[in-house]
Amino acid sequence: VVEAYKQGLRPAVGYELNPWLLCLSNYRAWKAGYHGKVFFLKKDLWKVNLSDCYNVIVFLAPSVKPPLASKLLAELPDEARVVAGRFPFPSWTPSSTLGQGLEQVWAYDMREVRRAAQ
């Protein structure tokens, strides 16, 4: 979320249910000088409406990717971009990738994902 903010993405909001991870995220944002600029909310990602999001960054286990793919397809606009860290979406073809190993990320443009799914 902090890196997204640094790259100019606004608003920069993270959702986390684990109170320890939520606290750690807020601490790291504060330590980096971004307190009050980025936000971490204790909310369930599955219950958040993402229809007004144009940039989504996810860092979740592979087992969660298939149901999350369905949610993102249903809610995100065509102009949205999804970036997945550490694990790709298994049924989507990325528009681009960056890094290797544990540092690899995959970027997906929703318009292209939808086109490939048809």
C-alpha atoms as a PDB file:
ATOM      1  CA  VAL A   1       0.000   0.000   0.000  1.00  0.00           C
ATOM      2  CA  VAL A   2       2.867   2.341   0.812  1.00  0.00           C
ATOM      3  CA  GLU A   3       4.573   1.532  -2.490  1.00  0.00           C
ATOM      4  CA  ALA A   4       1.300   2.104  -4.351  1.00  0.00           C
ATOM      5  CA  TYR A   5       1.080   5.528  -2.727  1.00  0.00           C
ATOM      6  CA  LYS A   6       4.699   6.273  -3.653  1.00  0.00           C
ATOM      7  CA  GLN A   7       3.827   5.415  -7.259  1.00  0.00           C
ATOM      8  CA  GLY A   8       0.998   7.957  -7.244  1.00  0.00           C
ATOM      9  CA  LEU A   9      -1.992   5.690  -6.703  1.00  0.00           C
ATOM     10  CA  ARG A  10      -4.645   7.438  -4.637  1.00  0.00           C
ATOM     11  CA  PRO A  11      -6.327   6.569  -2.406  1.00  0.00           C
ATOM     12  CA  ALA A  12      -3.987   3.888  -1.047  1.00  0.00           C
ATOM     13  CA  VAL A  13      -6.011   1.598   1.199  1.00  0.00           C
ATOM     14  CA  GLY A  14      -5.294  -1.871   2.528  1.00  0.00           C
ATOM     15  CA  TYR A  15      -7.788  -4.324   3.993  1.00  0.00           C
ATOM     16  CA  GLU A  16      -6.744  -6.752   6.708  1.00  0.00           C
ATOM     17  CA  LEU A  17      -8.660  -8.799   9.269  1.00  0.00           C
ATOM     18  CA  ASN A  18      -5.703 -10.033  11.314  1.00  0.00           C
ATOM     19  CA  PRO A  19      -5.230  -7.454  14.098  1.00  0.00           C
ATOM     20  CA  TRP A  20      -1.487  -8.135  14.351  1.00  0.00           C
ATOM     21  CA  LEU A  21      -0.925  -7.635  10.642  1.00  0.00           C
ATOM     22  CA  LEU A  22      -3.130  -4.547  10.720  1.00  0.00           C
ATOM     23  CA  CYS A  23      -1.047  -3.089  13.544  1.00  0.00           C
ATOM     24  CA  LEU A  24       2.202  -4.014  11.793  1.00  0.00           C
ATOM     25  CA  SER A  25       1.028  -2.412   8.545  1.00  0.00           C
ATOM     26  CA  ASN A  26       0.076   0.820  10.301  1.00  0.00           C
ATOM     27  CA  TYR A  27       3.392   0.843  12.168  1.00  0.00           C
ATOM     28  CA  ARG A  28       5.392   0.349   8.970  1.00  0.00           C
ATOM     29  CA  ALA A  29       3.463   3.136   7.236  1.00  0.00           C
ATOM     30  CA  TRP A  30       4.102   5.444  10.205  1.00  0.00           C
ATOM     31  CA  LYS A  31       7.791   4.508  10.327  1.00  0.00           C
ATOM     32  CA  ALA A  32       8.122   5.218   6.586  1.00  0.00           C
ATOM     33  CA  GLY A  33       6.520   8.663   7.053  1.00  0.00           C
ATOM     34  CA  TYR A  34       3.176   7.873   5.429  1.00  0.00           C
ATOM     35  CA  HIS A  35       0.874   8.018   8.459  1.00  0.00           C
ATOM     36  CA  GLY A  36      -2.333   9.773   7.416  1.00  0.00           C
ATOM     37  CA  LYS A  37      -1.525   9.265   3.727  1.00  0.00           C
ATOM     38  CA  VAL A  38      -2.095   5.524   3.449  1.00  0.00           C
ATOM     39  CA  PHE A  39      -4.769   3.632   5.300  1.00  0.00           C
ATOM     40  CA  PHE A  40      -5.209   0.096   6.538  1.00  0.00           C
ATOM     41  CA  LEU A  41      -8.746  -0.867   7.483  1.00  0.00           C
ATOM     42  CA  LYS A  42      -9.959  -3.848   9.459  1.00  0.00           C
ATOM     43  CA  LYS A  43     -12.387  -5.100   6.851  1.00  0.00           C
ATOM     44  CA  ASP A  44     -13.141  -8.391   5.208  1.00  0.00           C
ATOM     45  CA  LEU A  45     -11.990  -8.244   1.581  1.00  0.00           C
ATOM     46  CA  TRP A  46     -14.847 -10.557   0.622  1.00  0.00           C
ATOM     47  CA  LYS A  47     -17.391  -8.030   1.903  1.00  0.00           C
ATOM     48  CA  VAL A  48     -15.796  -4.892   0.441  1.00  0.00           C
ATOM     49  CA  ASN A  49     -17.273  -3.623  -2.832  1.00  0.00           C
ATOM     50  CA  LEU A  50     -14.388  -3.057  -5.239  1.00  0.00           C
ATOM     51  CA  SER A  51     -16.394  -1.599  -8.120  1.00  0.00           C
ATOM     52  CA  ASP A  52     -14.771   1.828  -7.792  1.00  0.00           C
ATOM     53  CA  CYS A  53     -11.211   0.468  -7.628  1.00  0.00           C
ATOM     54  CA  TYR A  54      -8.878   0.842 -10.583  1.00  0.00           C
ATOM     55  CA  ASN A  55      -5.719  -0.539  -9.005  1.00  0.00           C
ATOM     56  CA  VAL A  56      -5.846  -3.628  -6.815  1.00  0.00           C
ATOM     57  CA  ILE A  57      -2.799  -5.236  -5.281  1.00  0.00           C
ATOM     58  CA  VAL A  58      -3.211  -8.631  -3.657  1.00  0.00           C
ATOM     59  CA  PHE A  59      -0.842 -10.718  -1.607  1.00  0.00           C
ATOM     60  CA  LEU A  60      -2.788 -13.873  -0.866  1.00  0.00           C
ATOM     61  CA  ALA A  61      -2.252 -17.634  -0.846  1.00  0.00           C
ATOM     62  CA  PRO A  62      -2.832 -19.644  -4.047  1.00  0.00           C
ATOM     63  CA  SER A  63      -5.918 -21.351  -2.594  1.00  0.00           C
ATOM     64  CA  VAL A  64      -7.692 -17.984  -2.379  1.00  0.00           C
ATOM     65  CA  LYS A  65      -6.950 -16.906  -5.953  1.00  0.00           C
ATOM     66  CA  PRO A  66      -9.773 -18.762  -7.794  1.00  0.00           C
ATOM     67  CA  PRO A  67     -12.623 -17.346  -5.656  1.00  0.00           C
ATOM     68  CA  LEU A  68     -10.928 -13.942  -5.628  1.00  0.00           C
ATOM     69  CA  ALA A  69     -10.682 -14.048  -9.429  1.00  0.00           C
ATOM     70  CA  SER A  70     -14.463 -14.467  -9.582  1.00  0.00           C
ATOM     71  CA  LYS A  71     -15.009 -11.519  -7.217  1.00  0.00           C
ATOM     72  CA  LEU A  72     -12.645  -9.275  -9.185  1.00  0.00           C
ATOM     73  CA  LEU A  73     -14.231 -10.223 -12.515  1.00  0.00           C
ATOM     74  CA  ALA A  74     -17.665  -9.431 -11.111  1.00  0.00           C
ATOM     75  CA  GLU A  75     -16.768  -6.108  -9.476  1.00  0.00           C
ATOM     76  CA  LEU A  76     -13.834  -4.376 -11.142  1.00  0.00           C
ATOM     77  CA  PRO A  77     -14.237  -2.050 -14.129  1.00  0.00           C
ATOM     78  CA  ASP A  78     -12.563  -2.925 -17.442  1.00  0.00           C
ATOM     79  CA  GLU A  79      -9.973  -0.180 -16.856  1.00  0.00           C
ATOM     80  CA  ALA A  80      -8.760  -1.782 -13.614  1.00  0.00           C
ATOM     81  CA  ARG A  81      -5.375  -3.369 -13.140  1.00  0.00           C
ATOM     82  CA  VAL A  82      -4.686  -6.152 -10.646  1.00  0.00           C
ATOM     83  CA  VAL A  83      -1.199  -6.865  -9.353  1.00  0.00           C
ATOM     84  CA  ALA A  84      -0.572 -10.168  -7.579  1.00  0.00           C
ATOM     85  CA  GLY A  85       2.463 -10.664  -5.369  1.00  0.00           C
ATOM     86  CA  ARG A  86       4.230 -13.963  -4.838  1.00  0.00           C
ATOM     87  CA  PHE A  87       1.492 -16.118  -6.438  1.00  0.00           C
ATOM     88  CA  PRO A  88      -0.181 -15.544  -9.833  1.00  0.00           C
ATOM     89  CA  PHE A  89      -3.823 -16.054 -10.686  1.00  0.00           C
ATOM     90  CA  PRO A  90      -3.761 -19.570 -12.167  1.00  0.00           C
ATOM     91  CA  SER A  91      -6.351 -19.037 -14.904  1.00  0.00           C
ATOM     92  CA  TRP A  92      -5.362 -15.514 -15.979  1.00  0.00           C
ATOM     93  CA  THR A  93      -2.646 -14.510 -18.432  1.00  0.00           C
ATOM     94  CA  PRO A  94      -0.628 -11.589 -17.084  1.00  0.00           C
ATOM     95  CA  SER A  95      -0.124  -8.409 -19.089  1.00  0.00           C
ATOM     96  CA  SER A  96       3.336  -8.158 -17.565  1.00  0.00           C
ATOM     97  CA  THR A  97       5.550  -9.613 -14.854  1.00  0.00           C
ATOM     98  CA  LEU A  98       8.397  -8.206 -12.835  1.00  0.00           C
ATOM     99  CA  GLY A  99      10.993  -9.819 -10.585  1.00  0.00           C
ATOM    100  CA  GLN A 100      11.766 -13.423  -9.820  1.00  0.00           C
ATOM    101  CA  GLY A 101      11.120 -15.980  -7.104  1.00  0.00           C
ATOM    102  CA  LEU A 102       9.563 -14.623  -3.936  1.00  0.00           C
ATOM    103  CA  GLU A 103       9.830 -11.076  -5.292  1.00  0.00           C
ATOM    104  CA  GLN A 104       7.890 -11.752  -8.516  1.00  0.00           C
ATOM    105  CA  VAL A 105       4.673  -9.898  -9.292  1.00  0.00           C
ATOM    106  CA  TRP A 106       2.110 -10.379 -12.052  1.00  0.00           C
ATOM    107  CA  ALA A 107       0.015  -7.546 -13.510  1.00  0.00           C
ATOM    108  CA  TYR A 108      -3.364  -8.164 -15.115  1.00  0.00           C
ATOM    109  CA  ASP A 109      -5.487  -5.722 -17.097  1.00  0.00           C
ATOM    110  CA  MET A 110      -9.128  -6.569 -16.498  1.00  0.00           C
ATOM    111  CA  ARG A 111     -10.195  -5.801 -20.055  1.00  0.00           C
ATOM    112  CA  GLU A 112      -7.675  -8.378 -21.327  1.00  0.00           C
ATOM    113  CA  VAL A 113      -8.619 -10.901 -18.656  1.00  0.00           C
ATOM    114  CA  ARG A 114     -12.277 -10.631 -19.643  1.00  0.00           C
ATOM    115  CA  ARG A 115     -11.465 -10.864 -23.346  1.00  0.00           C
ATOM    116  CA  ALA A 116      -9.433 -14.051 -22.798  1.00  0.00           C
ATOM    117  CA  ALA A 117     -12.223 -15.559 -20.686  1.00  0.00           C
ATOM    118  CA  GLN A 118     -14.799 -15.195 -23.473  1.00  0.00           C
END
